[in-house]
Amino acid sequence: MTPELIVTATLIAATFIYVLLCWVLPFGKCRTCSGQGHRRTWLLRKVTACRRCKGSGLRLRIGRRIYNQVADAHAQADAAAATKDRYTS
């Protein structure tokens, strides 16, 4: 096997695994609060809810966010086409 083929196969496998991960587990740990849902403030060391995840400790993965955007755009295009077909016939 050539090195280019090995690198290509590795990249395809990593992409497939990430897509599968985004489908099965769309949420990951919040990087700001490490999945705890709360943080200590810098000034008074007071415990508050994490602003990034709003206290849930979870965040939507980037790949799932992209998938949701594409799916929403597709649904809007289908709805627009159905509306256009309804008024033109």
N, C-alpha and C. Protein backbone atom coordinates (compact mmCIF):
# COMPACT_ATOMS: atom_id res chain seq x y z
N MET A 1 0.84 -1.18 0.00
CA MET A 1 0.00 0.00 0.00
C MET A 1 0.88 1.24 0.00
N THR A 2 0.45 2.19 -0.76
CA THR A 2 1.20 3.44 -0.81
C THR A 2 0.81 4.32 0.38
N PRO A 3 1.69 5.20 0.78
CA PRO A 3 1.37 6.09 1.91
C PRO A 3 0.14 6.97 1.65
N GLU A 4 -0.04 7.39 0.39
CA GLU A 4 -1.21 8.22 0.07
C GLU A 4 -2.51 7.46 0.29
N LEU A 5 -2.50 6.19 -0.07
CA LEU A 5 -3.69 5.36 0.12
C LEU A 5 -3.99 5.15 1.59
N ILE A 6 -2.95 4.97 2.38
CA ILE A 6 -3.13 4.78 3.82
C ILE A 6 -3.70 6.06 4.45
N VAL A 7 -3.17 7.21 4.08
CA VAL A 7 -3.66 8.48 4.63
C VAL A 7 -5.10 8.72 4.21
N THR A 8 -5.41 8.44 2.95
CA THR A 8 -6.78 8.63 2.46
C THR A 8 -7.75 7.70 3.19
N ALA A 9 -7.38 6.44 3.36
CA ALA A 9 -8.24 5.49 4.06
C ALA A 9 -8.43 5.90 5.51
N THR A 10 -7.39 6.40 6.14
CA THR A 10 -7.48 6.85 7.53
C THR A 10 -8.41 8.06 7.65
N LEU A 11 -8.29 9.01 6.73
CA LEU A 11 -9.17 10.19 6.77
C LEU A 11 -10.63 9.82 6.52
N ILE A 12 -10.87 8.91 5.60
CA ILE A 12 -12.24 8.46 5.33
C ILE A 12 -12.81 7.75 6.54
N ALA A 13 -12.00 6.90 7.18
CA ALA A 13 -12.46 6.18 8.38
C ALA A 13 -12.75 7.15 9.52
N ALA A 14 -11.88 8.14 9.72
CA ALA A 14 -12.09 9.12 10.80
C ALA A 14 -13.34 9.94 10.54
N THR A 15 -13.58 10.32 9.29
CA THR A 15 -14.78 11.08 8.95
C THR A 15 -16.03 10.24 9.19
N PHE A 16 -16.00 8.98 8.79
CA PHE A 16 -17.14 8.10 9.00
C PHE A 16 -17.43 7.92 10.49
N ILE A 17 -16.39 7.75 11.29
CA ILE A 17 -16.57 7.58 12.73
C ILE A 17 -17.16 8.85 13.35
N TYR A 18 -16.69 10.03 12.92
CA TYR A 18 -17.23 11.28 13.46
C TYR A 18 -18.69 11.47 13.06
N VAL A 19 -19.04 11.15 11.83
CA VAL A 19 -20.44 11.25 11.39
C VAL A 19 -21.31 10.31 12.20
N LEU A 20 -20.84 9.10 12.43
CA LEU A 20 -21.59 8.14 13.24
C LEU A 20 -21.74 8.65 14.68
N LEU A 21 -20.68 9.23 15.23
CA LEU A 21 -20.73 9.79 16.58
C LEU A 21 -21.73 10.93 16.67
N CYS A 22 -21.77 11.81 15.65
CA CYS A 22 -22.72 12.92 15.65
C CYS A 22 -24.15 12.42 15.54
N TRP A 23 -24.35 11.29 14.88
CA TRP A 23 -25.70 10.74 14.73
C TRP A 23 -26.15 10.05 16.02
N VAL A 24 -25.26 9.28 16.65
CA VAL A 24 -25.63 8.52 17.85
C VAL A 24 -25.61 9.40 19.09
N LEU A 25 -24.58 10.22 19.25
CA LEU A 25 -24.43 11.09 20.42
C LEU A 25 -24.29 12.54 19.96
N PRO A 26 -25.40 13.24 19.70
CA PRO A 26 -25.29 14.60 19.16
C PRO A 26 -24.76 15.62 20.15
N PHE A 27 -24.79 15.32 21.44
CA PHE A 27 -24.31 16.25 22.44
C PHE A 27 -23.00 15.78 23.04
N GLY A 28 -22.10 16.73 23.29
CA GLY A 28 -20.84 16.45 23.96
C GLY A 28 -20.73 17.31 25.22
N LYS A 29 -19.67 17.09 25.99
CA LYS A 29 -19.48 17.89 27.20
C LYS A 29 -19.16 19.32 26.83
N CYS A 30 -19.68 20.26 27.61
CA CYS A 30 -19.35 21.67 27.43
C CYS A 30 -17.88 21.88 27.78
N ARG A 31 -17.16 22.58 26.91
CA ARG A 31 -15.74 22.80 27.15
C ARG A 31 -15.49 23.88 28.19
N THR A 32 -16.45 24.76 28.37
CA THR A 32 -16.25 25.86 29.32
C THR A 32 -16.33 25.37 30.76
N CYS A 33 -17.35 24.56 31.07
CA CYS A 33 -17.54 24.11 32.45
C CYS A 33 -17.15 22.65 32.64
N SER A 34 -16.58 22.03 31.62
CA SER A 34 -16.16 20.61 31.66
C SER A 34 -17.33 19.67 31.94
N GLY A 35 -18.51 20.05 31.48
CA GLY A 35 -19.68 19.20 31.64
C GLY A 35 -20.35 19.27 32.99
N GLN A 36 -19.95 20.19 33.85
CA GLN A 36 -20.53 20.28 35.18
C GLN A 36 -21.80 21.13 35.20
N GLY A 37 -21.91 22.09 34.29
CA GLY A 37 -23.09 22.95 34.25
C GLY A 37 -22.96 24.21 35.08
N HIS A 38 -21.90 24.34 35.82
CA HIS A 38 -21.71 25.56 36.62
C HIS A 38 -20.24 25.94 36.62
N ARG A 39 -20.00 27.20 36.92
CA ARG A 39 -18.64 27.74 36.96
C ARG A 39 -18.51 28.66 38.16
N ARG A 40 -17.30 28.89 38.55
CA ARG A 40 -17.04 29.87 39.61
C ARG A 40 -16.69 31.19 38.94
N THR A 41 -17.25 32.28 39.46
CA THR A 41 -16.93 33.59 38.90
C THR A 41 -15.51 33.98 39.30
N TRP A 42 -14.92 34.83 38.50
CA TRP A 42 -13.54 35.21 38.74
C TRP A 42 -13.41 36.13 39.94
N LEU A 43 -14.37 37.02 40.13
CA LEU A 43 -14.22 38.06 41.15
C LEU A 43 -14.49 37.55 42.57
N LEU A 44 -15.67 37.02 42.82
CA LEU A 44 -16.03 36.61 44.17
C LEU A 44 -16.03 35.10 44.38
N ARG A 45 -15.62 34.33 43.34
CA ARG A 45 -15.59 32.88 43.39
C ARG A 45 -16.97 32.30 43.68
N LYS A 46 -18.00 33.01 43.23
CA LYS A 46 -19.38 32.58 43.40
C LYS A 46 -19.71 31.56 42.32
N VAL A 47 -20.48 30.53 42.67
CA VAL A 47 -20.87 29.50 41.71
C VAL A 47 -22.10 29.99 40.94
N THR A 48 -22.00 30.01 39.60
CA THR A 48 -23.12 30.41 38.75
C THR A 48 -23.28 29.38 37.64
N ALA A 49 -24.45 29.41 37.00
CA ALA A 49 -24.69 28.51 35.87
C ALA A 49 -23.79 28.92 34.71
N CYS A 50 -23.32 27.95 33.97
CA CYS A 50 -22.45 28.21 32.82
C CYS A 50 -23.24 28.94 31.75
N ARG A 51 -22.66 30.03 31.21
CA ARG A 51 -23.37 30.81 30.20
C ARG A 51 -23.39 30.11 28.85
N ARG A 52 -22.39 29.32 28.57
CA ARG A 52 -22.30 28.68 27.26
C ARG A 52 -23.33 27.57 27.09
N CYS A 53 -23.48 26.72 28.11
CA CYS A 53 -24.42 25.60 28.00
C CYS A 53 -25.70 25.85 28.78
N LYS A 54 -25.81 27.00 29.42
CA LYS A 54 -26.98 27.39 30.21
C LYS A 54 -27.28 26.40 31.34
N GLY A 55 -26.22 25.83 31.91
CA GLY A 55 -26.36 24.97 33.07
C GLY A 55 -26.61 23.51 32.78
N SER A 56 -26.70 23.12 31.51
CA SER A 56 -26.98 21.72 31.21
C SER A 56 -25.72 20.86 31.21
N GLY A 57 -24.56 21.46 30.95
CA GLY A 57 -23.32 20.71 30.88
C GLY A 57 -23.08 20.08 29.52
N LEU A 58 -24.00 20.30 28.58
CA LEU A 58 -23.89 19.70 27.25
C LEU A 58 -23.85 20.77 26.17
N ARG A 59 -23.24 20.44 25.04
CA ARG A 59 -23.21 21.32 23.89
C ARG A 59 -23.48 20.47 22.65
N LEU A 60 -24.02 21.09 21.63
CA LEU A 60 -24.29 20.40 20.38
C LEU A 60 -22.99 20.32 19.58
N ARG A 61 -22.66 19.14 19.11
CA ARG A 61 -21.42 18.97 18.33
C ARG A 61 -21.48 19.76 17.03
N ILE A 62 -20.34 20.16 16.52
CA ILE A 62 -20.26 20.96 15.30
C ILE A 62 -20.84 20.20 14.12
N GLY A 63 -20.51 18.93 14.00
CA GLY A 63 -21.03 18.12 12.90
C GLY A 63 -22.55 18.01 12.94
N ARG A 64 -23.12 17.89 14.12
CA ARG A 64 -24.58 17.81 14.23
C ARG A 64 -25.21 19.16 13.93
N ARG A 65 -24.54 20.24 14.32
CA ARG A 65 -25.04 21.58 14.01
C ARG A 65 -25.09 21.80 12.50
N ILE A 66 -24.05 21.35 11.79
CA ILE A 66 -24.03 21.44 10.33
C ILE A 66 -25.14 20.59 9.73
N TYR A 67 -25.31 19.38 10.23
CA TYR A 67 -26.38 18.50 9.73
C TYR A 67 -27.75 19.14 9.93
N ASN A 68 -27.98 19.74 11.10
CA ASN A 68 -29.27 20.38 11.37
C ASN A 68 -29.52 21.55 10.41
N GLN A 69 -28.49 22.34 10.11
CA GLN A 69 -28.64 23.46 9.18
C GLN A 69 -29.00 22.96 7.78
N VAL A 70 -28.32 21.92 7.32
CA VAL A 70 -28.60 21.36 5.99
C VAL A 70 -30.01 20.77 5.95
N ALA A 71 -30.40 20.07 6.99
CA ALA A 71 -31.74 19.46 7.04
C ALA A 71 -32.81 20.55 7.06
N ASP A 72 -32.60 21.63 7.80
CA ASP A 72 -33.57 22.72 7.83
C ASP A 72 -33.68 23.40 6.47
N ALA A 73 -32.55 23.62 5.82
CA ALA A 73 -32.57 24.24 4.49
C ALA A 73 -33.30 23.35 3.49
N HIS A 74 -33.10 22.05 3.58
CA HIS A 74 -33.78 21.10 2.69
C HIS A 74 -35.29 21.11 2.95
N ALA A 75 -35.68 21.14 4.21
CA ALA A 75 -37.10 21.17 4.56
C ALA A 75 -37.75 22.47 4.08
N GLN A 76 -37.05 23.59 4.21
CA GLN A 76 -37.59 24.86 3.73
C GLN A 76 -37.73 24.86 2.22
N ALA A 77 -36.76 24.27 1.51
CA ALA A 77 -36.83 24.21 0.05
C ALA A 77 -38.00 23.32 -0.38
N ASP A 78 -38.21 22.21 0.31
CA ASP A 78 -39.34 21.34 -0.01
C ASP A 78 -40.67 22.04 0.24
N ALA A 79 -40.75 22.78 1.34
CA ALA A 79 -41.99 23.51 1.65
C ALA A 79 -42.25 24.60 0.62
N ALA A 80 -41.20 25.29 0.20
CA ALA A 80 -41.36 26.34 -0.81
C ALA A 80 -41.79 25.73 -2.15
N ALA A 81 -41.23 24.59 -2.50
CA ALA A 81 -41.60 23.93 -3.76
C ALA A 81 -43.04 23.44 -3.70
N ALA A 82 -43.46 22.92 -2.56
CA ALA A 82 -44.84 22.45 -2.42
C ALA A 82 -45.82 23.62 -2.49
N THR A 83 -45.46 24.75 -1.90
CA THR A 83 -46.31 25.93 -1.95
C THR A 83 -46.40 26.46 -3.37
N LYS A 84 -45.28 26.47 -4.07
CA LYS A 84 -45.25 26.94 -5.45
C LYS A 84 -46.10 26.04 -6.35
N ASP A 85 -46.00 24.74 -6.15
CA ASP A 85 -46.78 23.78 -6.94
C ASP A 85 -48.27 23.93 -6.67
N ARG A 86 -48.62 24.22 -5.43
CA ARG A 86 -50.03 24.36 -5.07
C ARG A 86 -50.65 25.57 -5.75
N TYR A 87 -49.89 26.67 -5.86
CA TYR A 87 -50.45 27.89 -6.43
C TYR A 87 -50.34 27.93 -7.96
N THR A 88 -49.47 27.15 -8.57
CA THR A 88 -49.33 27.18 -10.02
C THR A 88 -50.26 26.20 -10.72
N SER A 89 -50.77 25.21 -10.02
CA SER A 89 -51.64 24.24 -10.72
C SER A 89 -53.10 24.55 -10.57
